[in-house]
Amino acid sequence: MGVFGDGNGGRRRSSESGEEEATSLRKRNEELEKELRKSQEREEQMKKELQRAWDRLRVAEEAEERLCSQLGELEAEAVHEAREYQSRLLSLVDQLSRAHLPSPSPPSVRS
């Protein structure tokens, strides 16, 4: 009967169907391999970017440490200079006070 075929046609269709499926699977496999390569490239790029960020962070931390050290030295120097200034100011105030005190009058000579 025409509906069921003669047996050979069914095998041919099955064979063609298998070839189409194999072609489809190969195509899908190629697509997946292509996506995998792109994903690996993105991953490698992200690793490089992360390494660059890590390097920049390390440089920034080292710079921060140097700046903190310099700031500490400047603060110590500023405190030292402020103390010297205060000492000099007190000395000048003392000298000025003594200069404005009435000088003792020489004993008067009575004749």
C-alpha atoms as a PDB file:
ATOM      1  CA  MET A   1       0.000   0.000   0.000  1.00  0.00           C
ATOM      2  CA  GLY A   2       1.068   3.525  -0.750  1.00  0.00           C
ATOM      3  CA  VAL A   3       0.619   4.819   2.755  1.00  0.00           C
ATOM      4  CA  PHE A   4       3.136   2.483   4.320  1.00  0.00           C
ATOM      5  CA  GLY A   5       5.629   2.444   1.512  1.00  0.00           C
ATOM      6  CA  ASP A   6       7.558  -0.533   0.243  1.00  0.00           C
ATOM      7  CA  GLY A   7      10.060  -0.725   3.041  1.00  0.00           C
ATOM      8  CA  ASN A   8      12.992   0.730   1.124  1.00  0.00           C
ATOM      9  CA  GLY A   9      11.553   4.238   1.164  1.00  0.00           C
ATOM     10  CA  GLY A  10      11.174   4.066   4.910  1.00  0.00           C
ATOM     11  CA  ARG A  11      14.836   3.186   5.285  1.00  0.00           C
ATOM     12  CA  ARG A  12      15.815   5.966   2.967  1.00  0.00           C
ATOM     13  CA  ARG A  13      13.817   8.467   4.977  1.00  0.00           C
ATOM     14  CA  SER A  14      15.309   7.114   8.173  1.00  0.00           C
ATOM     15  CA  SER A  15      18.792   7.412   6.690  1.00  0.00           C
ATOM     16  CA  GLU A  16      18.096  10.939   5.443  1.00  0.00           C
ATOM     17  CA  SER A  17      16.650  11.821   8.812  1.00  0.00           C
ATOM     18  CA  GLY A  18      19.802  10.472  10.498  1.00  0.00           C
ATOM     19  CA  GLU A  19      22.008  12.497   8.164  1.00  0.00           C
ATOM     20  CA  GLU A  20      19.965  15.639   8.836  1.00  0.00           C
ATOM     21  CA  GLU A  21      20.197  15.002  12.548  1.00  0.00           C
ATOM     22  CA  ALA A  22      23.970  14.445  12.312  1.00  0.00           C
ATOM     23  CA  THR A  23      24.343  17.646  10.270  1.00  0.00           C
ATOM     24  CA  SER A  24      22.213  19.499  12.775  1.00  0.00           C
ATOM     25  CA  LEU A  25      24.281  18.132  15.656  1.00  0.00           C
ATOM     26  CA  ARG A  26      27.547  19.068  13.902  1.00  0.00           C
ATOM     27  CA  LYS A  27      26.234  22.564  13.304  1.00  0.00           C
ATOM     28  CA  ARG A  28      25.108  22.868  16.920  1.00  0.00           C
ATOM     29  CA  ASN A  29      28.485  21.530  18.083  1.00  0.00           C
ATOM     30  CA  GLU A  30      30.290  24.146  15.966  1.00  0.00           C
ATOM     31  CA  GLU A  31      28.079  26.877  17.455  1.00  0.00           C
ATOM     32  CA  LEU A  32      28.810  25.648  20.972  1.00  0.00           C
ATOM     33  CA  GLU A  33      32.554  25.502  20.264  1.00  0.00           C
ATOM     34  CA  LYS A  34      32.416  29.035  18.892  1.00  0.00           C
ATOM     35  CA  GLU A  35      30.561  30.236  22.006  1.00  0.00           C
ATOM     36  CA  LEU A  36      33.107  28.424  24.185  1.00  0.00           C
ATOM     37  CA  ARG A  37      36.018  30.146  22.427  1.00  0.00           C
ATOM     38  CA  LYS A  38      34.339  33.540  22.845  1.00  0.00           C
ATOM     39  CA  SER A  39      33.683  32.783  26.506  1.00  0.00           C
ATOM     40  CA  GLN A  40      37.315  31.753  27.024  1.00  0.00           C
ATOM     41  CA  GLU A  41      38.501  34.944  25.307  1.00  0.00           C
ATOM     42  CA  ARG A  42      36.228  37.028  27.558  1.00  0.00           C
ATOM     43  CA  GLU A  43      37.504  35.146  30.601  1.00  0.00           C
ATOM     44  CA  GLU A  44      41.124  35.779  29.590  1.00  0.00           C
ATOM     45  CA  GLN A  45      40.364  39.459  29.008  1.00  0.00           C
ATOM     46  CA  MET A  46      38.704  39.707  32.420  1.00  0.00           C
ATOM     47  CA  LYS A  47      41.722  38.030  34.055  1.00  0.00           C
ATOM     48  CA  LYS A  48      44.027  40.596  32.438  1.00  0.00           C
ATOM     49  CA  GLU A  49      41.746  43.439  33.497  1.00  0.00           C
ATOM     50  CA  LEU A  50      41.600  42.072  37.047  1.00  0.00           C
ATOM     51  CA  GLN A  51      45.400  41.829  37.150  1.00  0.00           C
ATOM     52  CA  ARG A  52      45.723  45.440  35.965  1.00  0.00           C
ATOM     53  CA  ALA A  53      43.240  46.555  38.634  1.00  0.00           C
ATOM     54  CA  TRP A  54      45.154  44.560  41.259  1.00  0.00           C
ATOM     55  CA  ASP A  55      48.411  46.227  40.169  1.00  0.00           C
ATOM     56  CA  ARG A  56      46.813  49.687  40.330  1.00  0.00           C
ATOM     57  CA  LEU A  57      45.482  48.915  43.808  1.00  0.00           C
ATOM     58  CA  ARG A  58      48.935  47.815  45.005  1.00  0.00           C
ATOM     59  CA  VAL A  59      50.499  51.017  43.620  1.00  0.00           C
ATOM     60  CA  ALA A  60      47.779  53.131  45.261  1.00  0.00           C
ATOM     61  CA  GLU A  61      48.283  51.398  48.619  1.00  0.00           C
ATOM     62  CA  GLU A  62      52.048  51.953  48.444  1.00  0.00           C
ATOM     63  CA  ALA A  63      51.482  55.617  47.583  1.00  0.00           C
ATOM     64  CA  GLU A  64      49.057  55.933  50.499  1.00  0.00           C
ATOM     65  CA  GLU A  65      51.678  54.502  52.861  1.00  0.00           C
ATOM     66  CA  ARG A  66      54.303  56.961  51.596  1.00  0.00           C
ATOM     67  CA  LEU A  67      51.884  59.887  51.939  1.00  0.00           C
ATOM     68  CA  CYS A  68      50.946  58.865  55.485  1.00  0.00           C
ATOM     69  CA  SER A  69      54.616  58.651  56.405  1.00  0.00           C
ATOM     70  CA  GLN A  70      55.311  62.072  54.896  1.00  0.00           C
ATOM     71  CA  LEU A  71      52.259  63.522  56.634  1.00  0.00           C
ATOM     72  CA  GLY A  72      53.481  62.175  59.977  1.00  0.00           C
ATOM     73  CA  GLU A  73      56.891  63.734  59.423  1.00  0.00           C
ATOM     74  CA  LEU A  74      55.319  67.073  58.462  1.00  0.00           C
ATOM     75  CA  GLU A  75      53.053  67.015  61.522  1.00  0.00           C
ATOM     76  CA  ALA A  76      56.043  66.357  63.805  1.00  0.00           C
ATOM     77  CA  GLU A  77      57.957  69.191  62.140  1.00  0.00           C
ATOM     78  CA  ALA A  78      54.953  71.533  62.480  1.00  0.00           C
ATOM     79  CA  VAL A  79      54.635  70.734  66.212  1.00  0.00           C
ATOM     80  CA  HIS A  80      58.355  71.350  66.704  1.00  0.00           C
ATOM     81  CA  GLU A  81      58.192  74.694  64.865  1.00  0.00           C
ATOM     82  CA  ALA A  82      55.065  75.724  66.800  1.00  0.00           C
ATOM     83  CA  ARG A  83      56.848  75.041  70.094  1.00  0.00           C
ATOM     84  CA  GLU A  84      59.896  77.024  68.967  1.00  0.00           C
ATOM     85  CA  TYR A  85      57.646  79.884  67.855  1.00  0.00           C
ATOM     86  CA  GLN A  86      55.800  79.869  71.171  1.00  0.00           C
ATOM     87  CA  SER A  87      59.082  79.841  73.102  1.00  0.00           C
ATOM     88  CA  ARG A  88      60.446  82.744  71.037  1.00  0.00           C
ATOM     89  CA  LEU A  89      57.181  84.664  71.476  1.00  0.00           C
ATOM     90  CA  LEU A  90      57.260  84.212  75.258  1.00  0.00           C
ATOM     91  CA  SER A  91      60.873  85.367  75.291  1.00  0.00           C
ATOM     92  CA  LEU A  92      59.978  88.504  73.321  1.00  0.00           C
ATOM     93  CA  VAL A  93      56.985  89.232  75.581  1.00  0.00           C
ATOM     94  CA  ASP A  94      59.268  88.902  78.603  1.00  0.00           C
ATOM     95  CA  GLN A  95      61.849  91.233  77.058  1.00  0.00           C
ATOM     96  CA  LEU A  96      59.130  93.738  76.193  1.00  0.00           C
ATOM     97  CA  SER A  97      57.752  93.625  79.721  1.00  0.00           C
ATOM     98  CA  ARG A  98      61.158  94.286  81.192  1.00  0.00           C
ATOM     99  CA  ALA A  99      61.734  97.149  78.784  1.00  0.00           C
ATOM    100  CA  HIS A 100      58.539  98.870  79.906  1.00  0.00           C
ATOM    101  CA  LEU A 101      59.145  98.522  83.615  1.00  0.00           C
ATOM    102  CA  PRO A 102      60.176 101.752  85.219  1.00  0.00           C
ATOM    103  CA  SER A 103      63.850 101.597  85.624  1.00  0.00           C
ATOM    104  CA  PRO A 104      64.999 102.016  89.160  1.00  0.00           C
ATOM    105  CA  SER A 105      66.050 105.591  89.688  1.00  0.00           C
ATOM    106  CA  PRO A 106      69.576 106.081  90.835  1.00  0.00           C
ATOM    107  CA  PRO A 107      69.821 107.030  94.414  1.00  0.00           C
ATOM    108  CA  SER A 108      69.597 110.740  94.732  1.00  0.00           C
ATOM    109  CA  VAL A 109      72.502 112.445  96.180  1.00  0.00           C
ATOM    110  CA  ARG A 110      71.522 114.721  99.057  1.00  0.00           C
ATOM    111  CA  SER A 111      73.680 117.549  99.799  1.00  0.00           C
END
